[in-house]
Amino acid sequence: MYRVFESLDALVTVVEEARGLPMTANCVVPRGDVLELLDDVREAIPGELDDAQDVLDRRDEIVGEAQQEADDTRAAATEEAERLLTQAREEAERLVAQAREEAEETVAQARHEAERTVAEGRRIHAETTDRARAEAERLAEAGRAAHDRYIADGQAEQARLVSQSDVVLAARAEAARIVDTADAEADRLRRECDGYVDAKLAEFEDSLTRALRTVSRGRSQIWRDGSPNGTPAPSLGRNGNGSGTGMDLID
């Protein structure tokens, strides 16, 4: 590029020093020197300028090709984005369906386990109650028999010792004490039976509560990950007002 400017400076000097024509603004310049300087300028101009001119000549064509390539790229990107979005939506629907199926299976298992535990508790309660009732009736019957026996003995003793009223009163008191003892023992056995049944039912209630809590956590996890329409679903209770607990699963 320095040679171009040097040749241009020399060309300006030749024109400035040229002999002027009288009565005109024209001048006479040496043709050979000017042509030589122009040849130097032409040779000194970099090839990149020529290439740049070619680019300028093909500007519209290059811009059109770039625009077409950009349109093709944008269309391809849009198509790829739609394809990925469709795949993601299908995968999300599959995961939601799978989670719902697993939740329903878990609820069914929990309900079955709860029903089995309730039936087992009822059976144990019935058996224990029947045994306690039989034992109470046996003790009551034994008490009544002892009472009747002591009454009979007392009456016989009374007939034999009519004059000995203190003995009769002592016999009656002893008979009454024995009856009271039998009744107290029957009450004690009944209370022990009720305590045993209550403990078994408490164990069943604790197991059922843990199972229902597990189901509730599973359902909460499903809805926390996102429901099919994108909004969390409330946990409905027995009355459908969203205030139910895990116990609402069992009728």
Protein backbone atom coordinates (compact mmCIF):
# COMPACT_ATOMS: atom_id res chain seq x y z
CA MET A 1 0.00 0.00 0.00
CA TYR A 2 2.93 2.37 0.64
CA ARG A 3 3.93 2.10 -3.02
CA VAL A 4 0.42 3.15 -4.10
CA PHE A 5 0.56 6.32 -2.02
CA GLU A 6 4.11 7.02 -3.23
CA SER A 7 3.06 6.72 -6.86
CA LEU A 8 0.00 8.91 -6.28
CA ASP A 9 2.19 11.57 -4.65
CA ALA A 10 4.55 11.47 -7.61
CA LEU A 11 1.60 11.78 -10.00
CA VAL A 12 0.30 14.83 -8.09
CA THR A 13 3.78 16.39 -8.26
CA VAL A 14 3.93 15.85 -12.04
CA VAL A 15 0.57 17.52 -12.50
CA GLU A 16 1.50 20.42 -10.22
CA GLU A 17 4.81 21.00 -12.01
CA ALA A 18 3.36 20.63 -15.52
CA ARG A 19 3.58 23.59 -17.86
CA GLY A 20 0.28 25.42 -18.06
CA LEU A 21 -1.45 26.48 -21.31
CA PRO A 22 -1.93 30.22 -21.66
CA MET A 23 -5.41 31.56 -21.07
CA THR A 24 -6.66 28.14 -19.79
CA ALA A 25 -6.58 26.04 -16.66
CA ASN A 26 -5.14 23.12 -18.57
CA CYS A 27 -1.56 21.99 -18.54
CA VAL A 28 0.78 19.84 -20.54
CA VAL A 29 2.00 16.77 -18.69
CA PRO A 30 4.50 14.23 -19.88
CA ARG A 31 2.37 11.31 -21.04
CA GLY A 32 5.03 8.68 -20.52
CA ASP A 33 5.69 9.70 -16.91
CA VAL A 34 1.96 9.80 -16.09
CA LEU A 35 1.29 6.42 -17.70
CA GLU A 36 4.26 4.92 -15.90
CA LEU A 37 3.03 6.26 -12.57
CA LEU A 38 -0.49 4.92 -13.29
CA ASP A 39 0.97 1.52 -14.12
CA ASP A 40 2.82 1.56 -10.80
CA VAL A 41 -0.42 2.42 -9.00
CA ARG A 42 -2.26 -0.39 -10.78
CA GLU A 43 0.44 -2.91 -9.94
CA ALA A 44 0.68 -1.71 -6.34
CA ILE A 45 -3.05 -2.03 -5.62
CA PRO A 46 -3.49 -5.23 -3.53
CA GLY A 47 -5.35 -8.15 -5.01
CA GLU A 48 -7.73 -8.03 -2.03
CA LEU A 49 -9.26 -4.84 -3.40
CA ASP A 50 -10.02 -6.62 -6.64
CA ASP A 51 -11.54 -9.49 -4.68
CA ALA A 52 -13.49 -6.97 -2.62
CA GLN A 53 -14.87 -5.48 -5.79
CA ASP A 54 -15.94 -8.93 -6.91
CA VAL A 55 -17.69 -9.36 -3.59
CA LEU A 56 -19.42 -6.01 -4.02
CA ASP A 57 -20.50 -7.02 -7.52
CA ARG A 58 -21.95 -10.27 -6.10
CA ARG A 59 -23.38 -8.60 -2.99
CA ASP A 60 -27.03 -9.25 -3.77
CA GLU A 61 -26.30 -12.86 -4.71
CA ILE A 62 -24.28 -13.46 -1.51
CA VAL A 63 -26.92 -11.78 0.68
CA GLY A 64 -29.62 -13.89 -0.96
CA GLU A 65 -27.64 -17.08 -0.39
CA ALA A 66 -27.01 -16.10 3.26
CA GLN A 67 -30.70 -15.29 3.75
CA GLN A 68 -31.72 -18.62 2.22
CA GLU A 69 -29.24 -20.46 4.42
CA ALA A 70 -30.54 -18.61 7.48
CA ASP A 71 -34.14 -19.47 6.55
CA ASP A 72 -33.19 -23.13 6.07
CA THR A 73 -31.36 -23.17 9.41
CA ARG A 74 -34.28 -21.51 11.19
CA ALA A 75 -36.77 -23.98 9.68
CA ALA A 76 -34.57 -26.93 10.65
CA ALA A 77 -34.18 -25.59 14.19
CA THR A 78 -37.93 -25.05 14.49
CA GLU A 79 -38.65 -28.56 13.26
CA GLU A 80 -36.09 -30.05 15.66
CA ALA A 81 -37.52 -28.03 18.57
CA GLU A 82 -41.04 -29.24 17.78
CA ARG A 83 -39.81 -32.82 17.57
CA LEU A 84 -38.01 -32.56 20.92
CA LEU A 85 -41.08 -30.89 22.47
CA THR A 86 -43.30 -33.70 21.22
CA GLN A 87 -40.92 -36.33 22.59
CA ALA A 88 -40.74 -34.54 25.96
CA ARG A 89 -44.54 -34.29 26.15
CA GLU A 90 -44.94 -37.98 25.31
CA GLU A 91 -42.31 -38.94 27.92
CA ALA A 92 -44.01 -36.75 30.55
CA GLU A 93 -47.39 -38.33 29.82
CA ARG A 94 -45.85 -41.80 30.06
CA LEU A 95 -44.21 -41.00 33.40
CA VAL A 96 -47.45 -39.52 34.79
CA ALA A 97 -49.41 -42.59 33.67
CA GLN A 98 -46.83 -44.89 35.22
CA ALA A 99 -46.83 -42.92 38.49
CA ARG A 100 -50.63 -42.96 38.58
CA GLU A 101 -50.69 -46.72 37.99
CA GLU A 102 -48.13 -47.31 40.75
CA ALA A 103 -50.08 -45.05 43.13
CA GLU A 104 -53.32 -46.90 42.43
CA GLU A 105 -51.56 -50.22 42.99
CA THR A 106 -50.10 -48.94 46.28
CA VAL A 107 -53.52 -47.70 47.43
CA ALA A 108 -55.10 -51.04 46.52
CA GLN A 109 -52.45 -52.93 48.45
CA ALA A 110 -52.83 -50.64 51.44
CA ARG A 111 -56.62 -51.03 51.37
CA HIS A 112 -56.30 -54.81 51.13
CA GLU A 113 -53.83 -54.86 54.02
CA ALA A 114 -56.08 -52.61 56.07
CA GLU A 115 -59.10 -54.81 55.44
CA ARG A 116 -57.10 -57.91 56.36
CA THR A 117 -55.81 -56.26 59.54
CA VAL A 118 -59.32 -55.11 60.49
CA ALA A 119 -60.70 -58.61 59.94
CA GLU A 120 -57.86 -60.11 62.00
CA GLY A 121 -58.48 -57.59 64.80
CA ARG A 122 -62.19 -58.34 64.79
CA ARG A 123 -61.51 -62.07 64.92
CA ILE A 124 -59.08 -61.70 67.83
CA HIS A 125 -61.52 -59.40 69.61
CA ALA A 126 -64.37 -61.87 69.14
CA GLU A 127 -62.27 -64.82 70.32
CA THR A 128 -60.94 -62.94 73.33
CA THR A 129 -64.39 -61.63 74.22
CA ASP A 130 -65.89 -65.10 73.94
CA ARG A 131 -63.18 -66.58 76.15
CA ALA A 132 -63.56 -63.81 78.70
CA ARG A 133 -67.35 -64.16 78.70
CA ALA A 134 -67.09 -67.94 79.12
CA GLU A 135 -64.58 -67.54 81.95
CA ALA A 136 -66.74 -64.89 83.63
CA GLU A 137 -69.82 -67.06 83.32
CA ARG A 138 -67.87 -70.03 84.71
CA LEU A 139 -66.66 -68.00 87.67
CA ALA A 140 -70.11 -66.54 88.22
CA GLU A 141 -71.63 -69.99 88.09
CA ALA A 142 -69.01 -71.28 90.51
CA GLY A 143 -69.73 -68.32 92.79
CA ARG A 144 -73.44 -68.94 92.62
CA ALA A 145 -72.92 -72.64 93.32
CA ALA A 146 -70.66 -71.82 96.25
CA HIS A 147 -73.20 -69.28 97.44
CA ASP A 148 -76.00 -71.78 97.20
CA ARG A 149 -73.86 -74.41 98.89
CA TYR A 150 -72.93 -72.10 101.72
CA ILE A 151 -76.53 -70.96 102.04
CA ALA A 152 -77.63 -74.54 102.22
CA ASP A 153 -74.92 -75.34 104.73
CA GLY A 154 -75.88 -72.25 106.69
CA GLN A 155 -79.51 -73.18 106.68
CA ALA A 156 -78.70 -76.69 107.82
CA GLU A 157 -76.45 -75.31 110.49
CA GLN A 158 -79.16 -72.84 111.44
CA ALA A 159 -81.68 -75.64 111.79
CA ARG A 160 -79.24 -77.55 113.94
CA LEU A 161 -78.12 -74.58 115.99
CA VAL A 162 -81.22 -72.42 116.16
CA SER A 163 -80.06 -70.87 119.38
CA GLN A 164 -76.56 -70.01 118.02
CA SER A 165 -77.43 -66.94 115.93
CA ASP A 166 -73.81 -65.72 115.81
CA VAL A 167 -72.75 -68.82 113.90
CA VAL A 168 -75.54 -68.33 111.37
CA LEU A 169 -74.58 -64.69 110.85
CA ALA A 170 -70.90 -65.64 110.39
CA ALA A 171 -71.86 -68.26 107.79
CA ARG A 172 -73.96 -65.79 105.89
CA ALA A 173 -71.17 -63.21 106.02
CA GLU A 174 -68.67 -65.80 104.72
CA ALA A 175 -71.05 -66.78 101.93
CA ALA A 176 -71.54 -63.15 100.98
CA ARG A 177 -67.76 -62.63 101.03
CA ILE A 178 -67.19 -65.57 98.74
CA VAL A 179 -69.83 -64.30 96.30
CA ASP A 180 -68.27 -60.82 96.34
CA THR A 181 -64.84 -62.34 95.75
CA ALA A 182 -66.16 -64.34 92.79
CA ASP A 183 -67.82 -61.22 91.35
CA ALA A 184 -64.60 -59.18 91.84
CA GLU A 185 -62.55 -61.90 90.10
CA ALA A 186 -65.01 -61.93 87.21
CA ASP A 187 -64.73 -58.13 86.93
CA ARG A 188 -60.92 -58.35 87.03
CA LEU A 189 -60.85 -60.93 84.23
CA ARG A 190 -63.28 -58.80 82.21
CA ARG A 191 -61.03 -55.72 82.61
CA GLU A 192 -57.94 -57.73 81.61
CA CYS A 193 -59.80 -59.00 78.55
CA ASP A 194 -60.84 -55.46 77.61
CA GLY A 195 -57.24 -54.23 78.09
CA TYR A 196 -55.87 -57.01 75.88
CA VAL A 197 -58.40 -56.27 73.13
CA ASP A 198 -57.66 -52.51 73.36
CA ALA A 199 -53.89 -53.14 73.05
CA LYS A 200 -54.40 -55.30 69.96
CA LEU A 201 -56.64 -52.67 68.37
CA ALA A 202 -54.05 -49.97 69.19
CA GLU A 203 -51.36 -52.03 67.42
CA PHE A 204 -53.66 -52.45 64.43
CA GLU A 205 -54.40 -48.69 64.42
CA ASP A 206 -50.67 -47.87 64.45
CA SER A 207 -49.95 -50.27 61.55
CA LEU A 208 -52.86 -48.88 59.56
CA THR A 209 -51.76 -45.27 60.23
CA ARG A 210 -48.24 -46.02 58.99
CA ALA A 211 -49.60 -47.68 55.83
CA LEU A 212 -51.92 -44.75 55.13
CA ARG A 213 -49.11 -42.26 55.79
CA THR A 214 -47.00 -44.09 53.18
CA VAL A 215 -49.86 -43.90 50.68
CA SER A 216 -50.36 -40.19 51.44
CA ARG A 217 -46.66 -39.48 50.90
CA GLY A 218 -46.80 -41.35 47.57
CA ARG A 219 -49.77 -39.34 46.41
CA SER A 220 -48.18 -36.06 47.55
CA GLN A 221 -45.02 -36.96 45.62
CA ILE A 222 -47.04 -37.65 42.46
CA TRP A 223 -48.82 -34.29 42.59
CA ARG A 224 -45.66 -32.45 43.61
CA ASP A 225 -43.98 -33.74 40.39
CA GLY A 226 -46.91 -32.34 38.40
CA SER A 227 -50.44 -33.42 37.56
CA PRO A 228 -51.52 -34.05 33.92
CA ASN A 229 -52.91 -30.50 33.58
CA GLY A 230 -49.89 -28.88 35.33
CA THR A 231 -51.63 -27.97 38.63
CA PRO A 232 -51.39 -29.77 42.01
CA ALA A 233 -54.43 -31.84 42.91
CA PRO A 234 -55.82 -31.45 46.46
CA SER A 235 -56.18 -34.46 48.69
CA LEU A 236 -59.93 -34.98 49.07
CA GLY A 237 -61.32 -36.22 52.35
CA ARG A 238 -64.48 -38.15 53.11
CA ASN A 239 -66.64 -35.03 52.52
CA GLY A 240 -64.76 -33.98 49.34
CA ASN A 241 -63.66 -30.65 50.87
CA GLY A 242 -59.90 -31.27 50.88
CA SER A 243 -59.68 -31.63 54.67
CA GLY A 244 -59.54 -35.43 54.89
CA THR A 245 -56.76 -37.53 56.39
CA GLY A 246 -55.32 -40.85 55.43
CA MET A 247 -58.12 -42.60 57.38
CA ASP A 248 -60.61 -41.54 54.64
CA LEU A 249 -59.33 -44.38 52.48
CA ILE A 250 -61.17 -46.93 54.59
CA ASP A 251 -64.95 -46.98 54.73
